[in-house]
């Protein structure tokens, strides 16, 4: 649901021209990101072996740090070249891929439990 909310929010950002809708779509993106990050961190710690959790969580934090540095640079370059819709739709595509992968994994997990 979080990935889907992000995808909807980014698609909306590509088409919005009013400040009211901008706030709605940005809220969808931010809430989706908040839940996605927390859920992925939880699942990562839950699925890692107990003796490797520290290493896995540290690696996860370092990857998030690299993404937090690179994403504004890439986004800023796209926005600087007035590629607003391309930027928003590329983010929507990535979020949509996350939603599809999460749905596939949840369906597989649900099938195992039956």
PDB file of N, CA and C in Angstrom:
ATOM      1  N   UNK A   1       0.816  -1.187   0.000  1.00  0.00           N
ATOM      2  CA  UNK A   1       0.000   0.000   0.000  1.00  0.00           C
ATOM      3  C   UNK A   1       0.870   1.266   0.000  1.00  0.00           C
ATOM      4  N   UNK A   2       1.991   1.200   0.715  1.00  0.00           N
ATOM      5  CA  UNK A   2       2.866   2.371   0.791  1.00  0.00           C
ATOM      6  C   UNK A   2       3.479   2.680  -0.571  1.00  0.00           C
ATOM      7  N   UNK A   3       3.962   1.640  -1.261  1.00  0.00           N
ATOM      8  CA  UNK A   3       4.517   1.848  -2.597  1.00  0.00           C
ATOM      9  C   UNK A   3       3.447   2.358  -3.554  1.00  0.00           C
ATOM     10  N   UNK A   4       2.247   1.826  -3.455  1.00  0.00           N
ATOM     11  CA  UNK A   4       1.152   2.275  -4.320  1.00  0.00           C
ATOM     12  C   UNK A   4       0.805   3.732  -4.034  1.00  0.00           C
ATOM     13  N   UNK A   5       0.779   4.110  -2.774  1.00  0.00           N
ATOM     14  CA  UNK A   5       0.526   5.504  -2.426  1.00  0.00           C
ATOM     15  C   UNK A   5       1.590   6.432  -2.981  1.00  0.00           C
ATOM     16  N   UNK A   6       2.843   5.993  -2.904  1.00  0.00           N
ATOM     17  CA  UNK A   6       3.924   6.793  -3.477  1.00  0.00           C
ATOM     18  C   UNK A   6       3.762   6.922  -4.985  1.00  0.00           C
ATOM     19  N   UNK A   7       3.429   5.823  -5.650  1.00  0.00           N
ATOM     20  CA  UNK A   7       3.264   5.852  -7.105  1.00  0.00           C
ATOM     21  C   UNK A   7       2.131   6.795  -7.498  1.00  0.00           C
ATOM     22  N   UNK A   8       1.013   6.725  -6.787  1.00  0.00           N
ATOM     23  CA  UNK A   8      -0.111   7.619  -7.073  1.00  0.00           C
ATOM     24  C   UNK A   8       0.292   9.069  -6.823  1.00  0.00           C
ATOM     25  N   UNK A   9       0.995   9.300  -5.738  1.00  0.00           N
ATOM     26  CA  UNK A   9       1.440  10.655  -5.417  1.00  0.00           C
ATOM     27  C   UNK A   9       2.368  11.220  -6.478  1.00  0.00           C
ATOM     28  N   UNK A  10       3.325  10.425  -6.939  1.00  0.00           N
ATOM     29  CA  UNK A  10       4.247  10.903  -7.969  1.00  0.00           C
ATOM     30  C   UNK A  10       3.539  11.118  -9.305  1.00  0.00           C
ATOM     31  N   UNK A  11       2.606  10.231  -9.658  1.00  0.00           N
ATOM     32  CA  UNK A  11       1.819  10.440 -10.885  1.00  0.00           C
ATOM     33  C   UNK A  11       1.030  11.739 -10.790  1.00  0.00           C
ATOM     34  N   UNK A  12       0.467  11.989  -9.636  1.00  0.00           N
ATOM     35  CA  UNK A  12      -0.261  13.236  -9.433  1.00  0.00           C
ATOM     36  C   UNK A  12       0.636  14.448  -9.539  1.00  0.00           C
ATOM     37  N   UNK A  13       1.869  14.339  -9.034  1.00  0.00           N
ATOM     38  CA  UNK A  13       2.808  15.457  -9.130  1.00  0.00           C
ATOM     39  C   UNK A  13       3.131  15.791 -10.579  1.00  0.00           C
ATOM     40  N   UNK A  14       3.114  14.777 -11.445  1.00  0.00           N
ATOM     41  CA  UNK A  14       3.408  15.014 -12.855  1.00  0.00           C
ATOM     42  C   UNK A  14       2.309  15.822 -13.532  1.00  0.00           C
ATOM     43  N   UNK A  15       1.084  15.775 -12.985  1.00  0.00           N
ATOM     44  CA  UNK A  15      -0.044  16.417 -13.648  1.00  0.00           C
ATOM     45  C   UNK A  15      -0.610  17.623 -12.904  1.00  0.00           C
ATOM     46  N   UNK A  16      -0.178  17.866 -11.688  1.00  0.00           N
ATOM     47  CA  UNK A  16      -0.792  18.893 -10.846  1.00  0.00           C
ATOM     48  C   UNK A  16      -0.353  20.295 -11.268  1.00  0.00           C
ATOM     49  N   UNK A  17      -1.285  21.249 -11.114  1.00  0.00           N
ATOM     50  CA  UNK A  17      -0.924  22.639 -11.347  1.00  0.00           C
ATOM     51  C   UNK A  17      -1.466  23.566 -10.260  1.00  0.00           C
ATOM     52  N   UNK A  18      -2.147  23.004  -9.273  1.00  0.00           N
ATOM     53  CA  UNK A  18      -2.679  23.808  -8.173  1.00  0.00           C
ATOM     54  C   UNK A  18      -2.000  23.454  -6.869  1.00  0.00           C
ATOM     55  N   UNK A  19      -1.935  24.417  -5.971  1.00  0.00           N
ATOM     56  CA  UNK A  19      -1.237  24.225  -4.692  1.00  0.00           C
ATOM     57  C   UNK A  19      -1.971  23.242  -3.785  1.00  0.00           C
ATOM     58  N   UNK A  20      -3.305  23.209  -3.857  1.00  0.00           N
ATOM     59  CA  UNK A  20      -4.074  22.291  -3.013  1.00  0.00           C
ATOM     60  C   UNK A  20      -3.793  20.837  -3.365  1.00  0.00           C
ATOM     61  N   UNK A  21      -3.836  20.527  -4.658  1.00  0.00           N
ATOM     62  CA  UNK A  21      -3.543  19.153  -5.087  1.00  0.00           C
ATOM     63  C   UNK A  21      -2.082  18.802  -4.875  1.00  0.00           C
ATOM     64  N   UNK A  22      -1.203  19.793  -4.993  1.00  0.00           N
ATOM     65  CA  UNK A  22       0.213  19.554  -4.738  1.00  0.00           C
ATOM     66  C   UNK A  22       0.415  19.058  -3.310  1.00  0.00           C
ATOM     67  N   UNK A  23      -0.260  19.678  -2.363  1.00  0.00           N
ATOM     68  CA  UNK A  23      -0.155  19.267  -0.960  1.00  0.00           C
ATOM     69  C   UNK A  23      -0.691  17.854  -0.761  1.00  0.00           C
ATOM     70  N   UNK A  24      -1.778  17.509  -1.435  1.00  0.00           N
ATOM     71  CA  UNK A  24      -2.353  16.166  -1.313  1.00  0.00           C
ATOM     72  C   UNK A  24      -1.392  15.118  -1.856  1.00  0.00           C
ATOM     73  N   UNK A  25      -0.859  15.362  -3.055  1.00  0.00           N
ATOM     74  CA  UNK A  25       0.025  14.375  -3.667  1.00  0.00           C
ATOM     75  C   UNK A  25       1.358  14.266  -2.934  1.00  0.00           C
ATOM     76  N   UNK A  26       1.883  15.384  -2.451  1.00  0.00           N
ATOM     77  CA  UNK A  26       3.116  15.314  -1.657  1.00  0.00           C
ATOM     78  C   UNK A  26       2.895  14.567  -0.345  1.00  0.00           C
ATOM     79  N   UNK A  27       1.719  14.728   0.236  1.00  0.00           N
ATOM     80  CA  UNK A  27       1.398  13.985   1.452  1.00  0.00           C
ATOM     81  C   UNK A  27       1.371  12.488   1.175  1.00  0.00           C
ATOM     82  N   UNK A  28       0.791  12.088   0.054  1.00  0.00           N
ATOM     83  CA  UNK A  28       0.790  10.665  -0.319  1.00  0.00           C
ATOM     84  C   UNK A  28       2.217  10.136  -0.464  1.00  0.00           C
ATOM     85  N   UNK A  29       3.071  10.916  -1.120  1.00  0.00           N
ATOM     86  CA  UNK A  29       4.460  10.500  -1.317  1.00  0.00           C
ATOM     87  C   UNK A  29       5.177  10.367   0.022  1.00  0.00           C
ATOM     88  N   UNK A  30       5.032  11.357   0.871  1.00  0.00           N
ATOM     89  CA  UNK A  30       5.753  11.369   2.151  1.00  0.00           C
ATOM     90  C   UNK A  30       5.264  10.256   3.076  1.00  0.00           C
ATOM     91  N   UNK A  31       3.963  10.073   3.173  1.00  0.00           N
ATOM     92  CA  UNK A  31       3.426   9.005   4.033  1.00  0.00           C
ATOM     93  C   UNK A  31       3.830   7.639   3.485  1.00  0.00           C
ATOM     94  N   UNK A  32       3.764   7.476   2.162  1.00  0.00           N
ATOM     95  CA  UNK A  32       4.193   6.217   1.558  1.00  0.00           C
ATOM     96  C   UNK A  32       5.659   5.933   1.828  1.00  0.00           C
ATOM     97  N   UNK A  33       6.502   6.956   1.700  1.00  0.00           N
ATOM     98  CA  UNK A  33       7.927   6.793   1.964  1.00  0.00           C
ATOM     99  C   UNK A  33       8.176   6.439   3.419  1.00  0.00           C
ATOM    100  N   UNK A  34       7.452   7.092   4.313  1.00  0.00           N
ATOM    101  CA  UNK A  34       7.617   6.842   5.749  1.00  0.00           C
ATOM    102  C   UNK A  34       7.297   5.379   6.080  1.00  0.00           C
ATOM    103  N   UNK A  35       6.174   4.887   5.593  1.00  0.00           N
ATOM    104  CA  UNK A  35       5.793   3.500   5.866  1.00  0.00           C
ATOM    105  C   UNK A  35       6.700   2.501   5.151  1.00  0.00           C
ATOM    106  N   UNK A  36       7.114   2.833   3.941  1.00  0.00           N
ATOM    107  CA  UNK A  36       7.997   1.933   3.192  1.00  0.00           C
ATOM    108  C   UNK A  36       9.327   1.764   3.895  1.00  0.00           C
ATOM    109  N   UNK A  37       9.908   2.859   4.310  1.00  0.00           N
ATOM    110  CA  UNK A  37      11.218   2.784   4.961  1.00  0.00           C
ATOM    111  C   UNK A  37      11.143   1.981   6.267  1.00  0.00           C
ATOM    112  N   UNK A  38      10.120   2.240   7.065  1.00  0.00           N
ATOM    113  CA  UNK A  38       9.979   1.519   8.327  1.00  0.00           C
ATOM    114  C   UNK A  38       9.716   0.034   8.094  1.00  0.00           C
ATOM    115  N   UNK A  39       8.867  -0.281   7.135  1.00  0.00           N
ATOM    116  CA  UNK A  39       8.531  -1.680   6.855  1.00  0.00           C
ATOM    117  C   UNK A  39       9.728  -2.439   6.300  1.00  0.00           C
ATOM    118  N   UNK A  40      10.456  -1.829   5.379  1.00  0.00           N
ATOM    119  CA  UNK A  40      11.624  -2.506   4.808  1.00  0.00           C
ATOM    120  C   UNK A  40      12.700  -2.735   5.863  1.00  0.00           C
ATOM    121  N   UNK A  41      12.910  -1.769   6.743  1.00  0.00           N
ATOM    122  CA  UNK A  41      13.889  -1.945   7.815  1.00  0.00           C
ATOM    123  C   UNK A  41      13.465  -3.070   8.755  1.00  0.00           C
ATOM    124  N   UNK A  42      12.182  -3.130   9.101  1.00  0.00           N
ATOM    125  CA  UNK A  42      11.677  -4.202   9.955  1.00  0.00           C
ATOM    126  C   UNK A  42      11.849  -5.561   9.290  1.00  0.00           C
ATOM    127  N   UNK A  43      11.455  -5.665   8.030  1.00  0.00           N
ATOM    128  CA  UNK A  43      11.560  -6.947   7.330  1.00  0.00           C
ATOM    129  C   UNK A  43      13.009  -7.387   7.178  1.00  0.00           C
ATOM    130  N   UNK A  44      13.900  -6.434   6.970  1.00  0.00           N
ATOM    131  CA  UNK A  44      15.310  -6.755   6.846  1.00  0.00           C
ATOM    132  C   UNK A  44      15.855  -7.316   8.146  1.00  0.00           C
ATOM    133  N   UNK A  45      15.516  -6.687   9.262  1.00  0.00           N
ATOM    134  CA  UNK A  45      16.012  -7.181  10.555  1.00  0.00           C
ATOM    135  C   UNK A  45      15.371  -8.512  10.926  1.00  0.00           C
ATOM    136  N   UNK A  46      14.124  -8.704  10.530  1.00  0.00           N
ATOM    137  CA  UNK A  46      13.420  -9.943  10.850  1.00  0.00           C
ATOM    138  C   UNK A  46      13.944 -11.120  10.027  1.00  0.00           C
ATOM    139  N   UNK A  47      14.334 -10.864   8.797  1.00  0.00           N
ATOM    140  CA  UNK A  47      14.746 -11.960   7.923  1.00  0.00           C
ATOM    141  C   UNK A  47      16.231 -12.297   8.041  1.00  0.00           C
ATOM    142  N   UNK A  48      17.023 -11.421   8.644  1.00  0.00           N
ATOM    143  CA  UNK A  48      18.457 -11.679   8.787  1.00  0.00           C
ATOM    144  C   UNK A  48      18.708 -12.617   9.961  1.00  0.00           C
ATOM    145  N   UNK A  49      19.759 -13.394   9.840  1.00  0.00           N
ATOM    146  CA  UNK A  49      20.170 -14.267  10.940  1.00  0.00           C
ATOM    147  C   UNK A  49      20.587 -13.394  12.129  1.00  0.00           C
ATOM    148  N   UNK A  50      20.366 -13.896  13.325  1.00  0.00           N
ATOM    149  CA  UNK A  50      20.623 -13.112  14.539  1.00  0.00           C
ATOM    150  C   UNK A  50      22.077 -12.648  14.606  1.00  0.00           C
ATOM    151  N   UNK A  51      23.011 -13.500  14.245  1.00  0.00           N
ATOM    152  CA  UNK A  51      24.420 -13.133  14.337  1.00  0.00           C
ATOM    153  C   UNK A  51      24.866 -12.201  13.202  1.00  0.00           C
ATOM    154  N   UNK A  52      23.995 -11.927  12.222  1.00  0.00           N
ATOM    155  CA  UNK A  52      24.346 -11.055  11.105  1.00  0.00           C
ATOM    156  C   UNK A  52      23.479  -9.792  11.050  1.00  0.00           C
ATOM    157  N   UNK A  53      22.582  -9.619  11.998  1.00  0.00           N
ATOM    158  CA  UNK A  53      21.680  -8.473  11.956  1.00  0.00           C
ATOM    159  C   UNK A  53      22.416  -7.145  12.004  1.00  0.00           C
ATOM    160  N   UNK A  54      23.433  -7.030  12.830  1.00  0.00           N
ATOM    161  CA  UNK A  54      24.175  -5.773  12.930  1.00  0.00           C
ATOM    162  C   UNK A  54      24.832  -5.399  11.616  1.00  0.00           C
ATOM    163  N   UNK A  55      25.450  -6.385  10.970  1.00  0.00           N
ATOM    164  CA  UNK A  55      26.105  -6.127   9.694  1.00  0.00           C
ATOM    165  C   UNK A  55      25.078  -5.740   8.625  1.00  0.00           C
ATOM    166  N   UNK A  56      23.965  -6.472   8.576  1.00  0.00           N
ATOM    167  CA  UNK A  56      22.926  -6.205   7.583  1.00  0.00           C
ATOM    168  C   UNK A  56      22.314  -4.825   7.807  1.00  0.00           C
ATOM    169  N   UNK A  57      22.019  -4.488   9.050  1.00  0.00           N
ATOM    170  CA  UNK A  57      21.419  -3.189   9.336  1.00  0.00           C
ATOM    171  C   UNK A  57      22.403  -2.055   9.042  1.00  0.00           C
ATOM    172  N   UNK A  58      23.678  -2.256   9.336  1.00  0.00           N
ATOM    173  CA  UNK A  58      24.683  -1.246   9.009  1.00  0.00           C
ATOM    174  C   UNK A  58      24.812  -1.047   7.511  1.00  0.00           C
ATOM    175  N   UNK A  59      24.787  -2.150   6.762  1.00  0.00           N
ATOM    176  CA  UNK A  59      24.854  -2.068   5.308  1.00  0.00           C
ATOM    177  C   UNK A  59      23.619  -1.359   4.763  1.00  0.00           C
ATOM    178  N   UNK A  60      22.465  -1.664   5.330  1.00  0.00           N
ATOM    179  CA  UNK A  60      21.231  -1.004   4.927  1.00  0.00           C
ATOM    180  C   UNK A  60      21.317   0.505   5.167  1.00  0.00           C
ATOM    181  N   UNK A  61      21.828   0.900   6.313  1.00  0.00           N
ATOM    182  CA  UNK A  61      21.963   2.326   6.613  1.00  0.00           C
ATOM    183  C   UNK A  61      22.935   3.009   5.657  1.00  0.00           C
ATOM    184  N   UNK A  62      24.023   2.318   5.297  1.00  0.00           N
ATOM    185  CA  UNK A  62      24.977   2.936   4.373  1.00  0.00           C
ATOM    186  C   UNK A  62      24.365   3.079   2.976  1.00  0.00           C
ATOM    187  N   UNK A  63      23.582   2.095   2.541  1.00  0.00           N
ATOM    188  CA  UNK A  63      22.906   2.221   1.249  1.00  0.00           C
ATOM    189  C   UNK A  63      21.882   3.346   1.266  1.00  0.00           C
ATOM    190  N   UNK A  64      21.148   3.479   2.366  1.00  0.00           N
ATOM    191  CA  UNK A  64      20.183   4.582   2.479  1.00  0.00           C
ATOM    192  C   UNK A  64      20.897   5.922   2.461  1.00  0.00           C
ATOM    193  N   UNK A  65      22.070   6.005   3.063  1.00  0.00           N
ATOM    194  CA  UNK A  65      22.830   7.252   3.067  1.00  0.00           C
ATOM    195  C   UNK A  65      23.284   7.620   1.660  1.00  0.00           C
ATOM    196  N   UNK A  66      23.767   6.644   0.916  1.00  0.00           N
ATOM    197  CA  UNK A  66      24.174   6.897  -0.469  1.00  0.00           C
ATOM    198  C   UNK A  66      22.968   7.362  -1.292  1.00  0.00           C
ATOM    199  N   UNK A  67      21.825   6.713  -1.101  1.00  0.00           N
ATOM    200  CA  UNK A  67      20.617   7.115  -1.814  1.00  0.00           C
ATOM    201  C   UNK A  67      20.177   8.516  -1.409  1.00  0.00           C
ATOM    202  N   UNK A  68      20.312   8.853  -0.124  1.00  0.00           N
ATOM    203  CA  UNK A  68      19.937  10.194   0.342  1.00  0.00           C
ATOM    204  C   UNK A  68      20.867  11.274  -0.201  1.00  0.00           C
ATOM    205  N   UNK A  69      22.070  10.900  -0.595  1.00  0.00           N
ATOM    206  CA  UNK A  69      22.996  11.854  -1.205  1.00  0.00           C
ATOM    207  C   UNK A  69      22.751  11.939  -2.715  1.00  0.00           C
ATOM    208  N   UNK A  70      22.598  10.789  -3.369  1.00  0.00           N
ATOM    209  CA  UNK A  70      22.482  10.761  -4.831  1.00  0.00           C
ATOM    210  C   UNK A  70      21.116  11.230  -5.330  1.00  0.00           C
ATOM    211  N   UNK A  71      20.054  10.900  -4.622  1.00  0.00           N
ATOM    212  CA  UNK A  71      18.706  11.228  -5.104  1.00  0.00           C
ATOM    213  C   UNK A  71      18.484  12.726  -5.282  1.00  0.00           C
ATOM    214  N   UNK A  72      18.861  13.577  -4.333  1.00  0.00           N
ATOM    215  CA  UNK A  72      18.659  15.010  -4.567  1.00  0.00           C
ATOM    216  C   UNK A  72      19.495  15.550  -5.733  1.00  0.00           C
ATOM    217  N   UNK A  73      20.676  14.978  -5.936  1.00  0.00           N
ATOM    218  CA  UNK A  73      21.507  15.434  -7.048  1.00  0.00           C
ATOM    219  C   UNK A  73      20.852  15.103  -8.390  1.00  0.00           C
ATOM    220  N   UNK A  74      20.382  13.872  -8.526  1.00  0.00           N
ATOM    221  CA  UNK A  74      19.727  13.462  -9.772  1.00  0.00           C
ATOM    222  C   UNK A  74      18.413  14.205  -9.946  1.00  0.00           C
ATOM    223  N   UNK A  75      17.624  14.272  -8.888  1.00  0.00           N
ATOM    224  CA  UNK A  75      16.342  14.984  -8.966  1.00  0.00           C
ATOM    225  C   UNK A  75      16.557  16.458  -9.267  1.00  0.00           C
ATOM    226  N   UNK A  76      17.535  17.071  -8.639  1.00  0.00           N
ATOM    227  CA  UNK A  76      17.833  18.479  -8.889  1.00  0.00           C
ATOM    228  C   UNK A  76      18.241  18.726 -10.330  1.00  0.00           C
ATOM    229  N   UNK A  77      19.029  17.808 -10.896  1.00  0.00           N
ATOM    230  CA  UNK A  77      19.425  17.950 -12.299  1.00  0.00           C
ATOM    231  C   UNK A  77      18.210  17.838 -13.224  1.00  0.00           C
ATOM    232  N   UNK A  78      17.328  16.894 -12.950  1.00  0.00           N
ATOM    233  CA  UNK A  78      16.127  16.747 -13.786  1.00  0.00           C
ATOM    234  C   UNK A  78      15.210  17.961 -13.645  1.00  0.00           C
ATOM    235  N   UNK A  79      15.023  18.420 -12.429  1.00  0.00           N
ATOM    236  CA  UNK A  79      14.169  19.583 -12.211  1.00  0.00           C
ATOM    237  C   UNK A  79      14.830  20.841 -12.791  1.00  0.00           C
ATOM    238  N   UNK A  80      16.153  20.945 -12.675  1.00  0.00           N
ATOM    239  CA  UNK A  80      16.876  22.085 -13.223  1.00  0.00           C
ATOM    240  C   UNK A  80      16.748  22.193 -14.734  1.00  0.00           C
ATOM    241  N   UNK A  81      16.581  21.071 -15.391  1.00  0.00           N
ATOM    242  CA  UNK A  81      16.378  21.053 -16.842  1.00  0.00           C
ATOM    243  C   UNK A  81      14.894  21.077 -17.205  1.00  0.00           C
ATOM    244  N   UNK A  82      14.062  21.406 -16.230  1.00  0.00           N
ATOM    245  CA  UNK A  82      12.603  21.509 -16.399  1.00  0.00           C
ATOM    246  C   UNK A  82      11.967  20.201 -16.884  1.00  0.00           C
ATOM    247  N   UNK A  83      12.481  19.110 -16.386  1.00  0.00           N
ATOM    248  CA  UNK A  83      11.926  17.785 -16.711  1.00  0.00           C
ATOM    249  C   UNK A  83      11.052  17.317 -15.548  1.00  0.00           C
ATOM    250  N   UNK A  84      10.103  18.159 -15.155  1.00  0.00           N
ATOM    251  CA  UNK A  84       9.274  17.881 -13.991  1.00  0.00           C
ATOM    252  C   UNK A  84       8.487  16.590 -14.158  1.00  0.00           C
ATOM    253  N   UNK A  85       7.797  16.470 -15.275  1.00  0.00           N
ATOM    254  CA  UNK A  85       6.963  15.287 -15.494  1.00  0.00           C
ATOM    255  C   UNK A  85       7.823  14.036 -15.607  1.00  0.00           C
ATOM    256  N   UNK A  86       8.957  14.142 -16.281  1.00  0.00           N
ATOM    257  CA  UNK A  86       9.852  12.982 -16.399  1.00  0.00           C
ATOM    258  C   UNK A  86      10.353  12.541 -15.041  1.00  0.00           C
ATOM    259  N   UNK A  87      10.707  13.515 -14.198  1.00  0.00           N
ATOM    260  CA  UNK A  87      11.183  13.196 -12.859  1.00  0.00           C
ATOM    261  C   UNK A  87      10.088  12.498 -12.057  1.00  0.00           C
ATOM    262  N   UNK A  88       8.894  13.084 -12.052  1.00  0.00           N
ATOM    263  CA  UNK A  88       7.803  12.527 -11.256  1.00  0.00           C
ATOM    264  C   UNK A  88       7.380  11.159 -11.781  1.00  0.00           C
ATOM    265  N   UNK A  89       7.319  11.002 -13.103  1.00  0.00           N
ATOM    266  CA  UNK A  89       6.894   9.712 -13.658  1.00  0.00           C
ATOM    267  C   UNK A  89       7.964   8.631 -13.478  1.00  0.00           C
ATOM    268  N   UNK A  90       9.244   9.008 -13.497  1.00  0.00           N
ATOM    269  CA  UNK A  90      10.280   8.001 -13.228  1.00  0.00           C
ATOM    270  C   UNK A  90      10.197   7.521 -11.780  1.00  0.00           C
ATOM    271  N   UNK A  91       9.932   8.448 -10.859  1.00  0.00           N
ATOM    272  CA  UNK A  91       9.748   8.065  -9.461  1.00  0.00           C
ATOM    273  C   UNK A  91       8.489   7.218  -9.288  1.00  0.00           C
ATOM    274  N   UNK A  92       7.435   7.566 -10.015  1.00  0.00           N
ATOM    275  CA  UNK A  92       6.202   6.775  -9.960  1.00  0.00           C
ATOM    276  C   UNK A  92       6.450   5.369 -10.491  1.00  0.00           C
ATOM    277  N   UNK A  93       7.243   5.263 -11.553  1.00  0.00           N
ATOM    278  CA  UNK A  93       7.569   3.942 -12.106  1.00  0.00           C
ATOM    279  C   UNK A  93       8.340   3.080 -11.118  1.00  0.00           C
ATOM    280  N   UNK A  94       9.305   3.682 -10.436  1.00  0.00           N
ATOM    281  CA  UNK A  94      10.069   2.927  -9.436  1.00  0.00           C
ATOM    282  C   UNK A  94       9.180   2.499  -8.278  1.00  0.00           C
ATOM    283  N   UNK A  95       8.304   3.397  -7.844  1.00  0.00           N
ATOM    284  CA  UNK A  95       7.379   3.057  -6.758  1.00  0.00           C
ATOM    285  C   UNK A  95       6.395   1.984  -7.202  1.00  0.00           C
ATOM    286  N   UNK A  96       5.947   2.072  -8.445  1.00  0.00           N
ATOM    287  CA  UNK A  96       5.049   1.049  -8.987  1.00  0.00           C
ATOM    288  C   UNK A  96       5.715  -0.310  -9.040  1.00  0.00           C
ATOM    289  N   UNK A  97       6.993  -0.342  -9.426  1.00  0.00           N
ATOM    290  CA  UNK A  97       7.740  -1.611  -9.423  1.00  0.00           C
ATOM    291  C   UNK A  97       7.826  -2.175  -8.009  1.00  0.00           C
ATOM    292  N   UNK A  98       8.048  -1.305  -7.035  1.00  0.00           N
ATOM    293  CA  UNK A  98       8.069  -1.752  -5.643  1.00  0.00           C
ATOM    294  C   UNK A  98       6.733  -2.316  -5.215  1.00  0.00           C
ATOM    295  N   UNK A  99       5.644  -1.692  -5.655  1.00  0.00           N
ATOM    296  CA  UNK A  99       4.305  -2.191  -5.310  1.00  0.00           C
ATOM    297  C   UNK A  99       4.061  -3.559  -5.929  1.00  0.00           C
ATOM    298  N   UNK A 100       4.475  -3.740  -7.177  1.00  0.00           N
ATOM    299  CA  UNK A 100       4.291  -5.036  -7.850  1.00  0.00           C
ATOM    300  C   UNK A 100       5.123  -6.115  -7.169  1.00  0.00           C
ATOM    301  N   UNK A 101       6.386  -5.805  -6.865  1.00  0.00           N
ATOM    302  CA  UNK A 101       7.238  -6.795  -6.194  1.00  0.00           C
ATOM    303  C   UNK A 101       6.696  -7.151  -4.816  1.00  0.00           C
ATOM    304  N   UNK A 102       6.210  -6.152  -4.082  1.00  0.00           N
ATOM    305  CA  UNK A 102       5.639  -6.426  -2.762  1.00  0.00           C
ATOM    306  C   UNK A 102       4.399  -7.295  -2.880  1.00  0.00           C
ATOM    307  N   UNK A 103       3.563  -7.039  -3.881  1.00  0.00           N
ATOM    308  CA  UNK A 103       2.357  -7.851  -4.081  1.00  0.00           C
ATOM    309  C   UNK A 103       2.716  -9.286  -4.418  1.00  0.00           C
ATOM    310  N   UNK A 104       3.743  -9.481  -5.238  1.00  0.00           N
ATOM    311  CA  UNK A 104       4.182 -10.832  -5.598  1.00  0.00           C
ATOM    312  C   UNK A 104       4.715 -11.568  -4.372  1.00  0.00           C
ATOM    313  N   UNK A 105       5.539 -10.884  -3.575  1.00  0.00           N
ATOM    314  CA  UNK A 105       6.083 -11.508  -2.370  1.00  0.00           C
ATOM    315  C   UNK A 105       5.002 -11.827  -1.350  1.00  0.00           C
ATOM    316  N   UNK A 106       4.041 -10.928  -1.196  1.00  0.00           N
ATOM    317  CA  UNK A 106       2.942 -11.193  -0.264  1.00  0.00           C
ATOM    318  C   UNK A 106       2.076 -12.350  -0.738  1.00  0.00           C
ATOM    319  N   UNK A 107       1.839 -12.440  -2.029  1.00  0.00           N
ATOM    320  CA  UNK A 107       1.054 -13.552  -2.569  1.00  0.00           C
ATOM    321  C   UNK A 107       1.786 -14.874  -2.364  1.00  0.00           C
ATOM    322  N   UNK A 108       3.114 -14.873  -2.564  1.00  0.00           N
ATOM    323  CA  UNK A 108       3.898 -16.092  -2.357  1.00  0.00           C
ATOM    324  C   UNK A 108       3.879 -16.495  -0.887  1.00  0.00           C
ATOM    325  N   UNK A 109       4.010 -15.520   0.004  1.00  0.00           N
ATOM    326  CA  UNK A 109       3.986 -15.816   1.431  1.00  0.00           C
ATOM    327  C   UNK A 109       2.612 -16.336   1.844  1.00  0.00           C
ATOM    328  N   UNK A 110       1.557 -15.735   1.282  1.00  0.00           N
ATOM    329  CA  UNK A 110       0.190 -16.178   1.588  1.00  0.00           C
ATOM    330  C   UNK A 110      -0.034 -17.610   1.081  1.00  0.00           C
ATOM    331  N   UNK A 111       0.520 -17.930  -0.089  1.00  0.00           N
ATOM    332  CA  UNK A 111       0.364 -19.290  -0.639  1.00  0.00           C
ATOM    333  C   UNK A 111       1.099 -20.317   0.211  1.00  0.00           C
ATOM    334  N   UNK A 112       2.259 -19.916   0.794  1.00  0.00           N
ATOM    335  CA  UNK A 112       2.989 -20.834   1.669  1.00  0.00           C
ATOM    336  C   UNK A 112       2.217 -21.153   2.932  1.00  0.00           C
ATOM    337  N   UNK A 113       1.467 -20.175   3.440  1.00  0.00           N
ATOM    338  CA  UNK A 113       0.750 -20.347   4.693  1.00  0.00           C
ATOM    339  C   UNK A 113      -0.542 -21.136   4.529  1.00  0.00           C
ATOM    340  N   UNK A 114      -0.982 -21.354   3.303  1.00  0.00           N
ATOM    341  CA  UNK A 114      -2.224 -22.111   3.099  1.00  0.00           C
ATOM    342  C   UNK A 114      -2.028 -23.570   3.202  1.00  0.00           C
TER     343      UNK A 114
END
